[in-house]
């Protein structure tokens, strides 16, 4: 993936949030949805690719 620093940090933050949400679900503290971890990861990857497609800095990097 070719991302600028800004998009890379945003992707990392979203990945961390997704990981914490799944950790809370595994610990049975908060049941927020009923999807598997890989579905969440695929959604996150799709969102990040769409976002980097519209980012001017990411387009310059390619």
C-alpha atoms as a PDB file:
ATOM      1  CA  UNK A   1       0.000   0.000   0.000  1.00  0.00           C
ATOM      2  CA  UNK A   2       1.279   3.421  -0.927  1.00  0.00           C
ATOM      3  CA  UNK A   3       0.131   5.836   1.742  1.00  0.00           C
ATOM      4  CA  UNK A   4       1.315   9.180   2.928  1.00  0.00           C
ATOM      5  CA  UNK A   5       2.205   9.661   6.574  1.00  0.00           C
ATOM      6  CA  UNK A   6      -1.188  11.202   7.390  1.00  0.00           C
ATOM      7  CA  UNK A   7      -3.170   8.300   5.890  1.00  0.00           C
ATOM      8  CA  UNK A   8      -0.828   5.756   7.471  1.00  0.00           C
ATOM      9  CA  UNK A   9      -1.406   7.239  10.915  1.00  0.00           C
ATOM     10  CA  UNK A  10      -5.173   7.318  10.352  1.00  0.00           C
ATOM     11  CA  UNK A  11      -5.125   3.668   9.230  1.00  0.00           C
ATOM     12  CA  UNK A  12      -3.096   2.722  12.312  1.00  0.00           C
ATOM     13  CA  UNK A  13      -5.517   4.550  14.594  1.00  0.00           C
ATOM     14  CA  UNK A  14      -8.538   2.843  13.017  1.00  0.00           C
ATOM     15  CA  UNK A  15      -6.804  -0.533  13.279  1.00  0.00           C
ATOM     16  CA  UNK A  16      -6.105   0.095  16.964  1.00  0.00           C
ATOM     17  CA  UNK A  17      -9.733   1.060  17.612  1.00  0.00           C
ATOM     18  CA  UNK A  18     -10.949  -2.044  15.779  1.00  0.00           C
ATOM     19  CA  UNK A  19      -8.563  -4.197  17.805  1.00  0.00           C
ATOM     20  CA  UNK A  20      -9.731  -2.721  21.106  1.00  0.00           C
ATOM     21  CA  UNK A  21     -13.378  -3.250  20.135  1.00  0.00           C
ATOM     22  CA  UNK A  22     -12.732  -6.915  19.339  1.00  0.00           C
ATOM     23  CA  UNK A  23     -10.771  -7.297  22.579  1.00  0.00           C
ATOM     24  CA  UNK A  24     -13.733  -5.924  24.526  1.00  0.00           C
ATOM     25  CA  UNK A  25     -15.990  -8.359  22.697  1.00  0.00           C
ATOM     26  CA  UNK A  26     -13.669 -11.307  23.466  1.00  0.00           C
ATOM     27  CA  UNK A  27     -13.587 -10.356  27.146  1.00  0.00           C
ATOM     28  CA  UNK A  28     -17.404 -10.204  27.103  1.00  0.00           C
ATOM     29  CA  UNK A  29     -17.388  -6.633  28.358  1.00  0.00           C
ATOM     30  CA  UNK A  30     -19.220  -5.151  25.402  1.00  0.00           C
ATOM     31  CA  UNK A  31     -21.069  -7.017  22.642  1.00  0.00           C
ATOM     32  CA  UNK A  32     -21.320  -4.423  19.888  1.00  0.00           C
ATOM     33  CA  UNK A  33     -21.857  -6.515  16.776  1.00  0.00           C
ATOM     34  CA  UNK A  34     -21.756 -10.057  15.567  1.00  0.00           C
ATOM     35  CA  UNK A  35     -19.110 -10.032  12.813  1.00  0.00           C
ATOM     36  CA  UNK A  36     -15.804 -11.856  12.658  1.00  0.00           C
ATOM     37  CA  UNK A  37     -12.450 -10.112  12.934  1.00  0.00           C
ATOM     38  CA  UNK A  38     -11.514 -10.676   9.298  1.00  0.00           C
ATOM     39  CA  UNK A  39     -14.706  -9.003   8.092  1.00  0.00           C
ATOM     40  CA  UNK A  40     -13.779  -5.950  10.149  1.00  0.00           C
ATOM     41  CA  UNK A  41     -10.269  -6.033   8.707  1.00  0.00           C
ATOM     42  CA  UNK A  42     -11.544  -6.248   5.120  1.00  0.00           C
ATOM     43  CA  UNK A  43     -13.877  -3.316   5.747  1.00  0.00           C
ATOM     44  CA  UNK A  44     -10.995  -1.316   7.211  1.00  0.00           C
ATOM     45  CA  UNK A  45      -8.751  -2.119   4.245  1.00  0.00           C
ATOM     46  CA  UNK A  46     -11.483  -1.086   1.808  1.00  0.00           C
ATOM     47  CA  UNK A  47     -12.067   2.192   3.620  1.00  0.00           C
ATOM     48  CA  UNK A  48      -8.339   2.934   3.700  1.00  0.00           C
ATOM     49  CA  UNK A  49      -7.920   2.267  -0.028  1.00  0.00           C
ATOM     50  CA  UNK A  50     -10.862   4.496  -0.883  1.00  0.00           C
ATOM     51  CA  UNK A  51      -9.522   7.225   1.423  1.00  0.00           C
ATOM     52  CA  UNK A  52      -6.000   7.091   0.015  1.00  0.00           C
ATOM     53  CA  UNK A  53      -7.451   7.241  -3.502  1.00  0.00           C
ATOM     54  CA  UNK A  54      -8.837  10.694  -2.730  1.00  0.00           C
ATOM     55  CA  UNK A  55      -5.788  11.954  -0.804  1.00  0.00           C
ATOM     56  CA  UNK A  56      -3.594  14.342  -2.802  1.00  0.00           C
ATOM     57  CA  UNK A  57      -0.443  13.400  -0.876  1.00  0.00           C
ATOM     58  CA  UNK A  58      -0.988   9.685  -1.535  1.00  0.00           C
ATOM     59  CA  UNK A  59      -1.472  10.366  -5.253  1.00  0.00           C
ATOM     60  CA  UNK A  60       1.843  12.243  -5.340  1.00  0.00           C
ATOM     61  CA  UNK A  61       3.571   9.310  -3.661  1.00  0.00           C
ATOM     62  CA  UNK A  62       2.414   6.870  -6.362  1.00  0.00           C
END
